C-alpha atoms as a PDB file:
ATOM      1  CA  MET A   1      35.812 -93.387 121.873  1.00  0.00           C
ATOM      2  CA  GLU A   2      37.986 -90.760 123.572  1.00  0.00           C
ATOM      3  CA  GLU A   3      41.576 -90.082 122.580  1.00  0.00           C
ATOM      4  CA  GLN A   4      43.900 -89.484 125.539  1.00  0.00           C
ATOM      5  CA  TYR A   5      47.608 -89.053 126.276  1.00  0.00           C
ATOM      6  CA  ILE A   6      49.991 -89.884 129.092  1.00  0.00           C
ATOM      7  CA  SER A   7      53.390 -88.271 129.703  1.00  0.00           C
ATOM      8  CA  VAL A   8      56.317 -90.580 130.509  1.00  0.00           C
ATOM      9  CA  PRO A   9      60.130 -90.190 130.644  1.00  0.00           C
ATOM     10  CA  LEU A  10      61.917 -91.208 127.438  1.00  0.00           C
ATOM     11  CA  ASN A  11      65.367 -92.569 126.657  1.00  0.00           C
ATOM     12  CA  CYS A  12      66.358 -90.946 123.376  1.00  0.00           C
ATOM     13  CA  ARG A  13      69.419 -92.112 121.476  1.00  0.00           C
ATOM     14  CA  TYR A  14      72.064 -89.890 119.946  1.00  0.00           C
ATOM     15  CA  PHE A  15      75.660 -90.289 118.753  1.00  0.00           C
ATOM     16  CA  GLN A  16      78.612 -87.928 118.950  1.00  0.00           C
ATOM     17  CA  LEU A  17      81.975 -87.357 117.308  1.00  0.00           C
ATOM     18  CA  LYS A  18      84.368 -85.348 119.443  1.00  0.00           C
ATOM     19  CA  ALA A  19      86.521 -82.711 117.781  1.00  0.00           C
ATOM     20  CA  GLU A  20      90.180 -83.542 117.368  1.00  0.00           C
ATOM     21  CA  GLY A  21      92.333 -80.870 118.990  1.00  0.00           C
ATOM     22  CA  GLN A  22      90.897 -77.470 119.872  1.00  0.00           C
ATOM     23  CA  ALA A  23      87.159 -77.380 119.167  1.00  0.00           C
ATOM     24  CA  ARG A  24      85.831 -74.412 117.201  1.00  0.00           C
ATOM     25  CA  ALA A  25      82.259 -75.426 116.329  1.00  0.00           C
ATOM     26  CA  HIS A  26      79.447 -77.779 117.289  1.00  0.00           C
ATOM     27  CA  TRP A  27      77.234 -79.213 114.565  1.00  0.00           C
ATOM     28  CA  TYR A  28      73.844 -80.813 115.224  1.00  0.00           C
ATOM     29  CA  VAL A  29      73.051 -83.081 112.272  1.00  0.00           C
ATOM     30  CA  LEU A  30      69.516 -84.380 111.705  1.00  0.00           C
ATOM     31  CA  HIS A  31      69.149 -87.459 109.510  1.00  0.00           C
ATOM     32  CA  GLY A  32      66.631 -88.110 106.757  1.00  0.00           C
ATOM     33  CA  TYR A  33      63.707 -90.522 106.546  1.00  0.00           C
ATOM     34  CA  GLY A  34      64.633 -94.166 107.059  1.00  0.00           C
ATOM     35  CA  GLN A  35      68.154 -93.491 108.332  1.00  0.00           C
ATOM     36  CA  LEU A  36      69.783 -94.276 111.682  1.00  0.00           C
ATOM     37  CA  ALA A  37      71.977 -91.779 113.522  1.00  0.00           C
ATOM     38  CA  ARG A  38      74.776 -94.308 114.107  1.00  0.00           C
ATOM     39  CA  TYR A  39      75.385 -94.545 110.340  1.00  0.00           C
ATOM     40  CA  PHE A  40      74.417 -90.993 109.431  1.00  0.00           C
ATOM     41  CA  ILE A  41      77.061 -89.472 111.718  1.00  0.00           C
ATOM     42  CA  LYS A  42      79.826 -91.358 109.889  1.00  0.00           C
ATOM     43  CA  LYS A  43      79.337 -88.975 106.963  1.00  0.00           C
ATOM     44  CA  PHE A  44      80.743 -86.196 109.174  1.00  0.00           C
ATOM     45  CA  THR A  45      83.969 -87.882 110.297  1.00  0.00           C
ATOM     46  CA  LYS A  46      86.102 -85.360 108.390  1.00  0.00           C
ATOM     47  CA  LEU A  47      84.478 -82.552 110.392  1.00  0.00           C
ATOM     48  CA  SER A  48      85.755 -83.913 113.692  1.00  0.00           C
ATOM     49  CA  ALA A  49      89.249 -83.943 112.173  1.00  0.00           C
ATOM     50  CA  ASN A  50      88.760 -80.217 111.518  1.00  0.00           C
ATOM     51  CA  GLY A  51      87.952 -79.216 115.076  1.00  0.00           C
ATOM     52  CA  ILE A  52      84.192 -79.733 115.029  1.00  0.00           C
ATOM     53  CA  HIS A  53      82.022 -81.566 117.556  1.00  0.00           C
ATOM     54  CA  VAL A  54      79.208 -83.464 115.823  1.00  0.00           C
ATOM     55  CA  THR A  55      75.989 -84.547 117.553  1.00  0.00           C
ATOM     56  CA  ALA A  56      73.491 -86.751 115.704  1.00  0.00           C
ATOM     57  CA  PRO A  57      70.153 -87.315 117.478  1.00  0.00           C
ATOM     58  CA  GLU A  58      67.872 -90.063 116.200  1.00  0.00           C
ATOM     59  CA  GLY A  59      64.192 -89.825 115.312  1.00  0.00           C
ATOM     60  CA  LEU A  60      61.867 -91.399 117.852  1.00  0.00           C
ATOM     61  CA  HIS A  61      60.148 -93.733 115.373  1.00  0.00           C
ATOM     62  CA  ARG A  62      62.064 -96.835 114.229  1.00  0.00           C
ATOM     63  CA  PHE A  63      60.713 -99.312 111.709  1.00  0.00           C
ATOM     64  CA  TYR A  64      61.758-102.092 109.367  1.00  0.00           C
ATOM     65  CA  LEU A  65      62.612-100.649 105.972  1.00  0.00           C
ATOM     66  CA  GLU A  66      61.218-103.698 104.169  1.00  0.00           C
ATOM     67  CA  GLY A  67      58.575-106.014 105.564  1.00  0.00           C
ATOM     68  CA  SER A  68      58.855-107.177 109.174  1.00  0.00           C
ATOM     69  CA  SER A  69      62.574-107.920 109.455  1.00  0.00           C
ATOM     70  CA  GLY A  70      65.973-106.856 108.171  1.00  0.00           C
ATOM     71  CA  ARG A  71      67.343-103.322 108.038  1.00  0.00           C
ATOM     72  CA  VAL A  72      65.879-100.727 110.391  1.00  0.00           C
ATOM     73  CA  GLY A  73      65.450 -96.992 109.833  1.00  0.00           C
ATOM     74  CA  ALA A  74      64.046 -94.090 111.806  1.00  0.00           C
ATOM     75  CA  SER A  75      61.872 -91.081 111.067  1.00  0.00           C
ATOM     76  CA  TRP A  76      60.972 -87.877 112.846  1.00  0.00           C
ATOM     77  CA  MET A  77      57.231 -87.997 112.220  1.00  0.00           C
ATOM     78  CA  THR A  78      54.433 -89.149 109.935  1.00  0.00           C
ATOM     79  CA  LYS A  79      51.055 -87.647 109.078  1.00  0.00           C
ATOM     80  CA  GLU A  80      49.446 -89.531 112.006  1.00  0.00           C
ATOM     81  CA  ASP A  81      49.158 -87.401 115.164  1.00  0.00           C
ATOM     82  CA  ARG A  82      51.883 -85.185 113.736  1.00  0.00           C
ATOM     83  CA  GLU A  83      51.421 -82.314 116.212  1.00  0.00           C
ATOM     84  CA  THR A  84      52.222 -84.636 119.119  1.00  0.00           C
ATOM     85  CA  ASP A  85      55.266 -86.056 117.357  1.00  0.00           C
ATOM     86  CA  ILE A  86      56.543 -82.559 116.586  1.00  0.00           C
ATOM     87  CA  ALA A  87      56.103 -81.466 120.208  1.00  0.00           C
ATOM     88  CA  ASN A  88      57.878 -84.612 121.407  1.00  0.00           C
ATOM     89  CA  TYR A  89      60.945 -84.298 119.209  1.00  0.00           C
ATOM     90  CA  ILE A  90      61.290 -80.574 119.914  1.00  0.00           C
ATOM     91  CA  GLN A  91      61.266 -81.314 123.637  1.00  0.00           C
ATOM     92  CA  VAL A  92      63.908 -84.010 123.166  1.00  0.00           C
ATOM     93  CA  LEU A  93      66.120 -81.831 120.942  1.00  0.00           C
ATOM     94  CA  ASN A  94      65.850 -78.908 123.358  1.00  0.00           C
ATOM     95  CA  ALA A  95      66.982 -81.114 126.249  1.00  0.00           C
ATOM     96  CA  LEU A  96      69.885 -82.504 124.220  1.00  0.00           C
ATOM     97  CA  HIS A  97      70.991 -79.046 123.120  1.00  0.00           C
ATOM     98  CA  HIS A  98      70.917 -77.535 126.607  1.00  0.00           C
ATOM     99  CA  ASN A  99      72.764 -80.507 128.071  1.00  0.00           C
ATOM    100  CA  ASN A 100      75.541 -80.238 125.470  1.00  0.00           C
ATOM    101  CA  GLU A 101      75.896 -76.474 125.438  1.00  0.00           C
ATOM    102  CA  ARG A 102      76.661 -76.092 129.132  1.00  0.00           C
ATOM    103  CA  ALA A 103      80.318 -76.771 128.444  1.00  0.00           C
ATOM    104  CA  ASN A 104      80.458 -75.439 124.880  1.00  0.00           C
ATOM    105  CA  ASP A 105      78.815 -72.018 125.049  1.00  0.00           C
ATOM    106  CA  LYS A 106      81.613 -70.287 123.108  1.00  0.00           C
ATOM    107  CA  LEU A 107      81.596 -72.584 120.084  1.00  0.00           C
ATOM    108  CA  GLU A 108      79.972 -71.707 116.773  1.00  0.00           C
ATOM    109  CA  ARG A 109      76.639 -73.541 116.614  1.00  0.00           C
ATOM    110  CA  VAL A 110      75.544 -75.093 113.321  1.00  0.00           C
ATOM    111  CA  LEU A 111      72.254 -76.866 112.602  1.00  0.00           C
ATOM    112  CA  PHE A 112      72.351 -79.294 109.674  1.00  0.00           C
ATOM    113  CA  GLY A 113      69.310 -81.050 108.238  1.00  0.00           C
ATOM    114  CA  PHE A 114      69.280 -83.649 105.483  1.00  0.00           C
ATOM    115  CA  SER A 115      66.098 -84.480 103.533  1.00  0.00           C
ATOM    116  CA  GLN A 116      63.316 -85.025 106.121  1.00  0.00           C
ATOM    117  CA  GLY A 117      65.745 -83.654 108.685  1.00  0.00           C
ATOM    118  CA  CYS A 118      65.460 -80.222 107.017  1.00  0.00           C
ATOM    119  CA  ALA A 119      61.829 -79.801 108.067  1.00  0.00           C
ATOM    120  CA  THR A 120      62.702 -81.110 111.532  1.00  0.00           C
ATOM    121  CA  ALA A 121      65.593 -78.654 111.814  1.00  0.00           C
ATOM    122  CA  MET A 122      63.481 -75.676 110.784  1.00  0.00           C
ATOM    123  CA  ARG A 123      60.660 -76.582 113.177  1.00  0.00           C
ATOM    124  CA  TRP A 124      63.191 -76.959 115.979  1.00  0.00           C
ATOM    125  CA  LEU A 125      64.705 -73.576 115.161  1.00  0.00           C
ATOM    126  CA  CYS A 126      61.309 -71.847 115.095  1.00  0.00           C
ATOM    127  CA  LEU A 127      59.462 -73.709 117.854  1.00  0.00           C
ATOM    128  CA  GLY A 128      62.281 -74.729 120.171  1.00  0.00           C
ATOM    129  CA  ASP A 129      64.322 -72.873 122.742  1.00  0.00           C
ATOM    130  CA  VAL A 130      67.506 -72.693 120.637  1.00  0.00           C
ATOM    131  CA  SER A 131      69.574 -70.416 118.426  1.00  0.00           C
ATOM    132  CA  PHE A 132      72.262 -71.178 115.855  1.00  0.00           C
ATOM    133  CA  ASP A 133      74.913 -69.243 113.951  1.00  0.00           C
ATOM    134  CA  HIS A 134      74.409 -71.192 110.739  1.00  0.00           C
ATOM    135  CA  VAL A 135      71.574 -73.376 109.402  1.00  0.00           C
ATOM    136  CA  ILE A 136      72.313 -75.765 106.534  1.00  0.00           C
ATOM    137  CA  MET A 137      69.417 -77.394 104.684  1.00  0.00           C
ATOM    138  CA  TRP A 138      70.685 -80.197 102.452  1.00  0.00           C
ATOM    139  CA  ALA A 139      68.270 -81.763  99.939  1.00  0.00           C
ATOM    140  CA  GLY A 140      65.128 -80.576 101.717  1.00  0.00           C
ATOM    141  CA  SER A 141      62.767 -77.658 102.208  1.00  0.00           C
ATOM    142  CA  PHE A 142      60.805 -75.612 104.720  1.00  0.00           C
ATOM    143  CA  PRO A 143      57.756 -77.235 106.329  1.00  0.00           C
ATOM    144  CA  THR A 144      54.635 -75.584 104.964  1.00  0.00           C
ATOM    145  CA  ASP A 145      53.036 -75.265 108.398  1.00  0.00           C
ATOM    146  CA  LEU A 146      55.573 -72.652 109.563  1.00  0.00           C
ATOM    147  CA  PRO A 147      54.677 -69.014 108.811  1.00  0.00           C
ATOM    148  CA  LEU A 148      57.487 -67.417 106.813  1.00  0.00           C
ATOM    149  CA  GLY A 149      57.408 -64.435 109.151  1.00  0.00           C
ATOM    150  CA  GLU A 150      58.465 -66.677 112.042  1.00  0.00           C
ATOM    151  CA  VAL A 151      61.152 -68.297 109.923  1.00  0.00           C
ATOM    152  CA  LYS A 152      62.536 -64.897 108.914  1.00  0.00           C
ATOM    153  CA  ALA A 153      62.571 -63.691 112.528  1.00  0.00           C
ATOM    154  CA  LYS A 154      64.481 -66.771 113.723  1.00  0.00           C
ATOM    155  CA  LEU A 155      66.977 -66.437 110.866  1.00  0.00           C
ATOM    156  CA  LYS A 156      67.601 -62.734 111.527  1.00  0.00           C
ATOM    157  CA  ASN A 157      71.111 -63.280 112.898  1.00  0.00           C
ATOM    158  CA  THR A 158      71.652 -66.709 111.364  1.00  0.00           C
ATOM    159  CA  LYS A 159      73.302 -67.638 108.089  1.00  0.00           C
ATOM    160  CA  LEU A 160      71.175 -69.910 105.875  1.00  0.00           C
ATOM    161  CA  THR A 161      72.678 -72.218 103.266  1.00  0.00           C
ATOM    162  CA  LEU A 162      70.758 -74.490 100.894  1.00  0.00           C
ATOM    163  CA  VAL A 163      72.622 -77.438  99.361  1.00  0.00           C
ATOM    164  CA  ILE A 164      71.128 -79.414  96.482  1.00  0.00           C
ATOM    165  CA  GLY A 165      72.561 -82.006  94.099  1.00  0.00           C
ATOM    166  CA  ASP A 166      72.050 -81.420  90.380  1.00  0.00           C
ATOM    167  CA  ASN A 167      70.780 -84.987  89.946  1.00  0.00           C
ATOM    168  CA  ASP A 168      68.711 -85.285  93.124  1.00  0.00           C
ATOM    169  CA  GLU A 169      65.839 -87.629  92.298  1.00  0.00           C
ATOM    170  CA  PHE A 170      63.610 -86.052  94.951  1.00  0.00           C
ATOM    171  CA  ILE A 171      64.437 -82.352  94.466  1.00  0.00           C
ATOM    172  CA  LYS A 172      63.570 -81.249  90.932  1.00  0.00           C
ATOM    173  CA  SER A 173      64.524 -77.969  89.228  1.00  0.00           C
ATOM    174  CA  GLN A 174      60.991 -76.605  89.600  1.00  0.00           C
ATOM    175  CA  HIS A 175      61.108 -77.298  93.333  1.00  0.00           C
ATOM    176  CA  ILE A 176      64.341 -75.305  93.634  1.00  0.00           C
ATOM    177  CA  ILE A 177      62.829 -72.378  91.718  1.00  0.00           C
ATOM    178  CA  GLU A 178      59.728 -72.397  93.920  1.00  0.00           C
ATOM    179  CA  LEU A 179      61.840 -72.499  97.082  1.00  0.00           C
ATOM    180  CA  GLN A 180      63.990 -69.607  95.897  1.00  0.00           C
ATOM    181  CA  ASP A 181      60.895 -67.588  94.986  1.00  0.00           C
ATOM    182  CA  LEU A 182      59.456 -68.272  98.435  1.00  0.00           C
ATOM    183  CA  LEU A 183      62.611 -67.078 100.166  1.00  0.00           C
ATOM    184  CA  ASP A 184      62.969 -64.051  97.907  1.00  0.00           C
ATOM    185  CA  GLN A 185      59.370 -62.961  98.486  1.00  0.00           C
ATOM    186  CA  ALA A 186      59.935 -63.165 102.246  1.00  0.00           C
ATOM    187  CA  ASN A 187      63.263 -61.291 101.935  1.00  0.00           C
ATOM    188  CA  ILE A 188      65.103 -64.172 103.579  1.00  0.00           C
ATOM    189  CA  GLU A 189      68.786 -64.117 102.673  1.00  0.00           C
ATOM    190  CA  TYR A 190      70.450 -67.395 101.774  1.00  0.00           C
ATOM    191  CA  ASP A 191      73.313 -68.998  99.886  1.00  0.00           C
ATOM    192  CA  LEU A 192      72.647 -71.772  97.364  1.00  0.00           C
ATOM    193  CA  LEU A 193      75.342 -74.403  96.908  1.00  0.00           C
ATOM    194  CA  ARG A 194      75.023 -76.918  94.077  1.00  0.00           C
ATOM    195  CA  PHE A 195      77.035 -80.072  93.402  1.00  0.00           C
ATOM    196  CA  GLN A 196      77.073 -82.819  90.810  1.00  0.00           C
ATOM    197  CA  GLY A 197      75.305 -85.702  92.503  1.00  0.00           C
ATOM    198  CA  GLY A 198      72.036 -87.096  93.772  1.00  0.00           C
ATOM    199  CA  HIS A 199      70.152 -87.394  97.056  1.00  0.00           C
ATOM    200  CA  HIS A 200      73.156 -87.890  99.287  1.00  0.00           C
ATOM    201  CA  ILE A 201      75.796 -85.990 101.239  1.00  0.00           C
ATOM    202  CA  ASP A 202      78.785 -85.225  99.046  1.00  0.00           C
ATOM    203  CA  GLU A 203      81.947 -85.107 101.152  1.00  0.00           C
ATOM    204  CA  PHE A 204      83.790 -82.557  99.003  1.00  0.00           C
ATOM    205  CA  THR A 205      80.818 -80.175  99.144  1.00  0.00           C
ATOM    206  CA  LEU A 206      80.419 -80.755 102.879  1.00  0.00           C
ATOM    207  CA  LEU A 207      84.022 -79.725 103.494  1.00  0.00           C
ATOM    208  CA  LYS A 208      83.399 -76.498 101.572  1.00  0.00           C
ATOM    209  CA  LEU A 209      80.922 -75.512 104.274  1.00  0.00           C
ATOM    210  CA  ILE A 210      83.626 -75.460 106.966  1.00  0.00           C
END
């Protein structure tokens, strides 16, 4: 048996909220595991009212959340053939970014990842052809396959903010300590923002970031 690949054009879905009034920033928001971009972007409606464009790309893998019918979610990758999936979504995100930035080159660029979207965001930052003014990692962590030296180099002129809920069922206190130790050992500067809540996007905390 021989494993092979074929390259084909793809239609990749994304959703946008246009800024109301004069735009001052463009946020790219990457959803978590099992979410769809059409619903995820609704969490950022207040940003568009504050002069921010919001673009929400969707992971290439859709699946039924329970059984073989009902609600559908999407993911960025799984453990199966992960290198190919990573290369595919970086290519898609690069194309989306370059298409959008042609007319918005003077806006502040912000990359926002939630849960699984945090690892996707950091891989895109390090492996893609992009740069951002601010990276926000909400309820997630760095992918372990990225050398911290590369992460530090890509974050050299980029603000990094970590956001974690005090009652997040997936992000425990020990995980936060380990992440902070990792960043401190690599001399990567960051801000840590906490809120009272679980594994979700808290609107009040989100508005603090703008």
